[in-house]
C-alpha atoms as a PDB file:
ATOM      1  CA  MET A   1     103.192 -84.881 178.759  1.00  0.00           C
ATOM      2  CA  SER A   2     103.673 -87.039 182.348  1.00  0.00           C
ATOM      3  CA  VAL A   3     101.261 -89.610 183.692  1.00  0.00           C
ATOM      4  CA  GLY A   4     102.259 -89.184 187.295  1.00  0.00           C
ATOM      5  CA  LEU A   5     105.863 -89.296 187.651  1.00  0.00           C
ATOM      6  CA  TYR A   6     106.465 -91.427 184.387  1.00  0.00           C
ATOM      7  CA  PRO A   7     106.848 -89.073 181.144  1.00  0.00           C
ATOM      8  CA  VAL A   8     104.445 -90.185 177.983  1.00  0.00           C
ATOM      9  CA  LEU A   9     105.224 -89.455 173.903  1.00  0.00           C
ATOM     10  CA  VAL A  10     102.257 -89.410 172.473  1.00  0.00           C
ATOM     11  CA  VAL A  11     102.248 -90.057 168.662  1.00  0.00           C
ATOM     12  CA  HIS A  12      99.965 -89.091 166.159  1.00  0.00           C
ATOM     13  CA  ASP A  13     101.672 -88.842 163.146  1.00  0.00           C
ATOM     14  CA  GLY A  14     100.922 -91.707 160.637  1.00  0.00           C
ATOM     15  CA  GLY A  15     105.068 -92.120 159.152  1.00  0.00           C
ATOM     16  CA  LEU A  16     106.444 -91.796 162.537  1.00  0.00           C
ATOM     17  CA  ILE A  17     103.571 -95.100 164.601  1.00  0.00           C
ATOM     18  CA  ARG A  18     104.887 -96.664 161.347  1.00  0.00           C
ATOM     19  CA  GLU A  19     108.613 -96.585 161.968  1.00  0.00           C
ATOM     20  CA  ILE A  20     107.956 -97.548 165.990  1.00  0.00           C
ATOM     21  CA  VAL A  21     105.189-100.270 164.835  1.00  0.00           C
ATOM     22  CA  ARG A  22     108.356-102.297 162.601  1.00  0.00           C
ATOM     23  CA  GLN A  23     110.355-101.873 165.304  1.00  0.00           C
ATOM     24  CA  ASP A  24     111.267-103.962 167.685  1.00  0.00           C
ATOM     25  CA  ASP A  25     114.623-102.359 168.612  1.00  0.00           C
ATOM     26  CA  GLY A  26     115.505 -99.341 170.345  1.00  0.00           C
ATOM     27  CA  PHE A  27     111.626 -98.593 172.104  1.00  0.00           C
ATOM     28  CA  VAL A  28     112.354 -99.759 175.070  1.00  0.00           C
ATOM     29  CA  LYS A  29     109.048-100.720 176.689  1.00  0.00           C
ATOM     30  CA  ASN A  30     108.894 -99.350 180.664  1.00  0.00           C
ATOM     31  CA  ILE A  31     106.861 -99.269 183.320  1.00  0.00           C
ATOM     32  CA  GLY A  32     104.029 -98.210 181.274  1.00  0.00           C
ATOM     33  CA  TYR A  33     103.885-101.219 179.183  1.00  0.00           C
ATOM     34  CA  ASP A  34     103.351-103.053 182.713  1.00  0.00           C
ATOM     35  CA  VAL A  35     100.870-101.245 183.781  1.00  0.00           C
ATOM     36  CA  SER A  36      98.974-101.654 180.822  1.00  0.00           C
ATOM     37  CA  GLU A  37      98.257-104.807 180.306  1.00  0.00           C
ATOM     38  CA  PRO A  38      95.296-105.184 182.377  1.00  0.00           C
ATOM     39  CA  LEU A  39      94.282-102.657 179.644  1.00  0.00           C
ATOM     40  CA  ILE A  40      95.776-103.587 176.704  1.00  0.00           C
ATOM     41  CA  GLY A  41      96.369-107.083 177.540  1.00  0.00           C
ATOM     42  CA  ASN A  42      99.977-109.146 175.807  1.00  0.00           C
ATOM     43  CA  GLY A  43      99.930-108.278 172.493  1.00  0.00           C
ATOM     44  CA  ILE A  44     101.743-106.582 170.224  1.00  0.00           C
ATOM     45  CA  LEU A  45     102.459-103.370 171.567  1.00  0.00           C
ATOM     46  CA  ARG A  46     103.580-105.030 174.905  1.00  0.00           C
ATOM     47  CA  THR A  47     105.495-107.815 173.512  1.00  0.00           C
ATOM     48  CA  SER A  48     109.196-107.970 172.331  1.00  0.00           C
ATOM     49  CA  GLY A  49     111.702-110.341 170.682  1.00  0.00           C
ATOM     50  CA  ALA A  50     110.346-113.752 169.324  1.00  0.00           C
ATOM     51  CA  VAL A  51     106.714-112.964 170.688  1.00  0.00           C
ATOM     52  CA  TRP A  52     106.607-109.734 169.048  1.00  0.00           C
ATOM     53  CA  LYS A  53     107.845-111.178 165.481  1.00  0.00           C
ATOM     54  CA  LYS A  54     105.290-113.370 166.131  1.00  0.00           C
ATOM     55  CA  HIS A  55     102.380-111.203 166.352  1.00  0.00           C
ATOM     56  CA  ARG A  56     103.931-108.350 164.385  1.00  0.00           C
ATOM     57  CA  ALA A  57     103.607-111.273 161.230  1.00  0.00           C
ATOM     58  CA  ILE A  58     100.159-111.965 162.211  1.00  0.00           C
ATOM     59  CA  MET A  59      99.788-108.155 161.396  1.00  0.00           C
ATOM     60  CA  ASP A  60     101.187-107.911 158.740  1.00  0.00           C
ATOM     61  CA  LYS A  61      98.950-111.096 157.150  1.00  0.00           C
ATOM     62  CA  ALA A  62      96.286-108.890 157.864  1.00  0.00           C
ATOM     63  CA  PHE A  63      97.101-105.501 156.780  1.00  0.00           C
ATOM     64  CA  SER A  64      98.376-106.708 153.354  1.00  0.00           C
ATOM     65  CA  SER A  65      96.236-105.929 149.623  1.00  0.00           C
ATOM     66  CA  ALA A  66      97.020-109.538 148.310  1.00  0.00           C
ATOM     67  CA  VAL A  67      94.835-111.281 150.813  1.00  0.00           C
END
């Protein structure tokens, strides 16, 4: 699938989404993420590195059954 000139991969399998969200390496955030900033902001989907890890830690707490 593509959006304009850019190829897009749509993932709808829960296991694959879990895999993508839990890993900060191996999934390059390209120009599509830059274009999407006005729509989705600068949260876990757009960030990487230390900022991604901080956002991920916050999300882990929110979805933990030990809350």
